[in-house]
Amino acid sequence: MQNEVETVKSALKGDTEAFRSLVEAYQKPVYMLVLSSVRDEFQAQDLTQETFIRVYLNLEKLKEPSKFGAWICGIARNVTGRWLERCRATESLDDCLEQNHADFAVKENADIDNDWLWQGIYSLPESLREVILLFYMRSISRRDIAHFLNISE
């Protein structure tokens, strides 16, 4: 964690390699967080990219480098929420999402019915869904998930 704080401080000073390091560290968790709401692999990739653009443009607004994980999580939720609101305003959410999630599901285990699995995951409350996807699909540690989502371990 101390190393991350130093990396954030370097990024705040304009070090592009430090920022790249932060993107690499948070790309998968942000993607899974976004995916847990939008349920579409390609849209989640776009919103993840948009999240990092906003992080880069607003980095100077980060007051506590030790809270970078929670800060970026908040930005990802805001970006995703705004996208979902635009979808709801213009068309049905199902049309917006296109339900492509089965294409990237756990392919190693052919015995699992992917549609049934994803239906179960998406029926969970958002807070649980985020944790499940981060832990089981991306193998992120409980400690790192807690730090990222700003929740207790």
Protein backbone atom coordinates (compact mmCIF):
# COMPACT_ATOMS: atom_id res chain seq x y z
CA MET A 1 0.00 0.00 0.00
CA GLN A 2 2.83 2.42 0.81
CA ASN A 3 4.31 1.70 -2.61
CA GLU A 4 0.96 2.58 -4.19
CA VAL A 5 0.83 5.88 -2.28
CA GLU A 6 4.27 6.77 -3.65
CA THR A 7 3.15 5.80 -7.16
CA VAL A 8 0.06 8.00 -6.83
CA LYS A 9 2.19 10.90 -5.59
CA SER A 10 4.50 10.47 -8.57
CA ALA A 11 1.53 10.41 -10.93
CA LEU A 12 0.24 13.60 -9.29
CA LYS A 13 3.57 15.21 -10.17
CA GLY A 14 3.09 14.27 -13.83
CA ASP A 15 5.03 10.99 -13.99
CA THR A 16 3.35 9.16 -16.88
CA GLU A 17 5.04 5.86 -16.04
CA ALA A 18 3.58 6.05 -12.53
CA PHE A 19 0.14 6.66 -13.99
CA ARG A 20 0.62 3.73 -16.38
CA SER A 21 1.48 1.57 -13.37
CA LEU A 22 -1.75 2.62 -11.65
CA VAL A 23 -3.77 1.86 -14.78
CA GLU A 24 -2.21 -1.60 -14.98
CA ALA A 25 -2.92 -2.25 -11.30
CA TYR A 26 -6.56 -1.10 -11.46
CA GLN A 27 -7.62 -2.00 -14.99
CA LYS A 28 -9.05 -5.43 -14.14
CA PRO A 29 -10.84 -4.40 -10.94
CA VAL A 30 -12.40 -1.37 -12.65
CA TYR A 31 -13.47 -3.50 -15.61
CA MET A 32 -15.13 -6.09 -13.36
CA LEU A 33 -16.83 -3.36 -11.34
CA VAL A 34 -18.25 -1.80 -14.50
CA LEU A 35 -19.16 -5.18 -15.95
CA SER A 36 -21.13 -6.03 -12.84
CA SER A 37 -23.52 -3.21 -13.77
CA VAL A 38 -23.59 -3.10 -17.56
CA ARG A 39 -23.42 -6.86 -18.28
CA ASP A 40 -21.81 -6.27 -21.66
CA GLU A 41 -18.15 -7.05 -22.25
CA PHE A 42 -17.55 -4.42 -24.93
CA GLN A 43 -19.47 -1.65 -23.20
CA ALA A 44 -17.58 -2.44 -19.98
CA GLN A 45 -14.30 -2.02 -21.88
CA ASP A 46 -15.43 1.37 -23.22
CA LEU A 47 -16.59 2.56 -19.81
CA THR A 48 -13.38 1.33 -18.20
CA GLN A 49 -11.40 3.38 -20.71
CA GLU A 50 -13.60 6.40 -20.03
CA THR A 51 -13.02 5.92 -16.31
CA PHE A 52 -9.25 6.10 -16.74
CA ILE A 53 -9.53 9.17 -18.95
CA ARG A 54 -11.53 10.89 -16.20
CA VAL A 55 -9.03 9.72 -13.58
CA TYR A 56 -6.18 11.21 -15.62
CA LEU A 57 -8.00 14.50 -16.20
CA ASN A 58 -9.01 14.83 -12.54
CA LEU A 59 -5.99 13.38 -10.78
CA GLU A 60 -5.10 16.73 -9.18
CA LYS A 61 -8.45 16.61 -7.34
CA LEU A 62 -7.39 13.52 -5.38
CA LYS A 63 -6.74 14.80 -1.85
CA GLU A 64 -5.61 11.57 -0.18
CA PRO A 65 -3.29 9.37 -2.26
CA SER A 66 -3.91 6.49 0.17
CA LYS A 67 -7.57 6.47 -0.95
CA PHE A 68 -6.80 6.13 -4.66
CA GLY A 69 -8.55 2.75 -4.94
CA ALA A 70 -11.79 4.01 -3.44
CA TRP A 71 -11.55 7.22 -5.47
CA ILE A 72 -11.19 5.42 -8.79
CA CYS A 73 -13.98 3.04 -7.78
CA GLY A 74 -16.24 6.04 -7.24
CA ILE A 75 -15.35 7.45 -10.64
CA ALA A 76 -16.07 4.09 -12.30
CA ARG A 77 -19.46 3.92 -10.58
CA ASN A 78 -20.28 7.48 -11.66
CA VAL A 79 -19.26 6.87 -15.28
CA THR A 80 -21.29 3.67 -15.33
CA GLY A 81 -24.28 5.28 -13.64
CA ARG A 82 -24.37 8.14 -16.14
CA TRP A 83 -24.20 5.68 -19.04
CA LEU A 84 -27.05 3.62 -17.58
CA GLU A 85 -29.14 6.77 -17.09
CA ARG A 86 -28.59 7.77 -20.73
CA CYS A 87 -29.63 4.28 -21.81
CA ARG A 88 -32.78 4.37 -19.75
CA ALA A 89 -33.65 7.79 -21.15
CA THR A 90 -33.21 6.77 -24.78
CA GLU A 91 -34.23 3.12 -24.99
CA SER A 92 -34.91 0.04 -22.94
CA LEU A 93 -32.04 -1.12 -20.78
CA ASP A 94 -32.10 -4.56 -22.39
CA ASP A 95 -31.53 -3.00 -25.81
CA CYS A 96 -28.69 -0.96 -24.38
CA LEU A 97 -26.93 -3.86 -22.74
CA GLU A 98 -27.35 -6.47 -25.49
CA GLN A 99 -26.61 -9.20 -22.95
CA ASN A 100 -23.23 -10.28 -24.40
CA HIS A 101 -21.97 -11.48 -21.03
CA ALA A 102 -22.11 -15.20 -21.88
CA ASP A 103 -19.36 -14.79 -24.50
CA PHE A 104 -16.65 -14.16 -21.93
CA ALA A 105 -17.96 -16.33 -19.10
CA VAL A 106 -15.96 -19.07 -17.48
CA LYS A 107 -15.12 -21.12 -20.55
CA GLU A 108 -12.79 -23.60 -18.86
CA ASN A 109 -15.69 -25.42 -17.24
CA ALA A 110 -17.99 -26.55 -20.04
CA ASP A 111 -20.28 -28.27 -17.51
CA ILE A 112 -21.52 -24.95 -16.18
CA ASP A 113 -24.55 -23.49 -17.92
CA ASN A 114 -23.26 -19.95 -18.50
CA ASP A 115 -26.68 -18.37 -18.86
CA TRP A 116 -27.83 -19.86 -15.57
CA LEU A 117 -24.59 -18.78 -13.85
CA TRP A 118 -24.79 -15.19 -15.09
CA GLN A 119 -28.48 -14.96 -14.33
CA GLY A 120 -27.67 -15.93 -10.75
CA ILE A 121 -24.80 -13.47 -10.48
CA TYR A 122 -26.85 -10.60 -11.87
CA SER A 123 -29.72 -11.34 -9.53
CA LEU A 124 -27.46 -10.51 -6.57
CA PRO A 125 -27.47 -7.02 -5.05
CA GLU A 126 -24.86 -4.83 -6.76
CA SER A 127 -22.53 -4.72 -3.74
CA LEU A 128 -22.34 -8.52 -3.59
CA ARG A 129 -22.12 -8.87 -7.37
CA GLU A 130 -19.09 -6.58 -7.45
CA VAL A 131 -17.28 -8.61 -4.80
CA ILE A 132 -18.15 -11.95 -6.43
CA LEU A 133 -16.89 -10.86 -9.85
CA LEU A 134 -13.70 -9.33 -8.49
CA PHE A 135 -12.87 -12.31 -6.29
CA TYR A 136 -13.90 -15.27 -8.41
CA MET A 137 -13.54 -13.99 -11.96
CA ARG A 138 -10.38 -11.90 -11.52
CA SER A 139 -8.83 -13.64 -8.50
CA ILE A 140 -8.33 -10.37 -6.65
CA SER A 141 -7.52 -10.81 -2.97
CA ARG A 142 -10.04 -9.93 -0.26
CA ARG A 143 -7.66 -7.27 1.05
CA ASP A 144 -7.34 -5.63 -2.38
CA ILE A 145 -11.10 -5.79 -2.97
CA ALA A 146 -11.74 -4.16 0.40
CA HIS A 147 -9.24 -1.41 -0.41
CA PHE A 148 -10.65 -0.86 -3.90
CA LEU A 149 -14.32 -0.81 -2.86
CA ASN A 150 -13.56 1.02 0.40
CA ILE A 151 -15.27 -1.67 2.49
CA SER A 152 -14.11 -3.74 5.44
CA GLU A 153 -12.34 -7.00 4.77
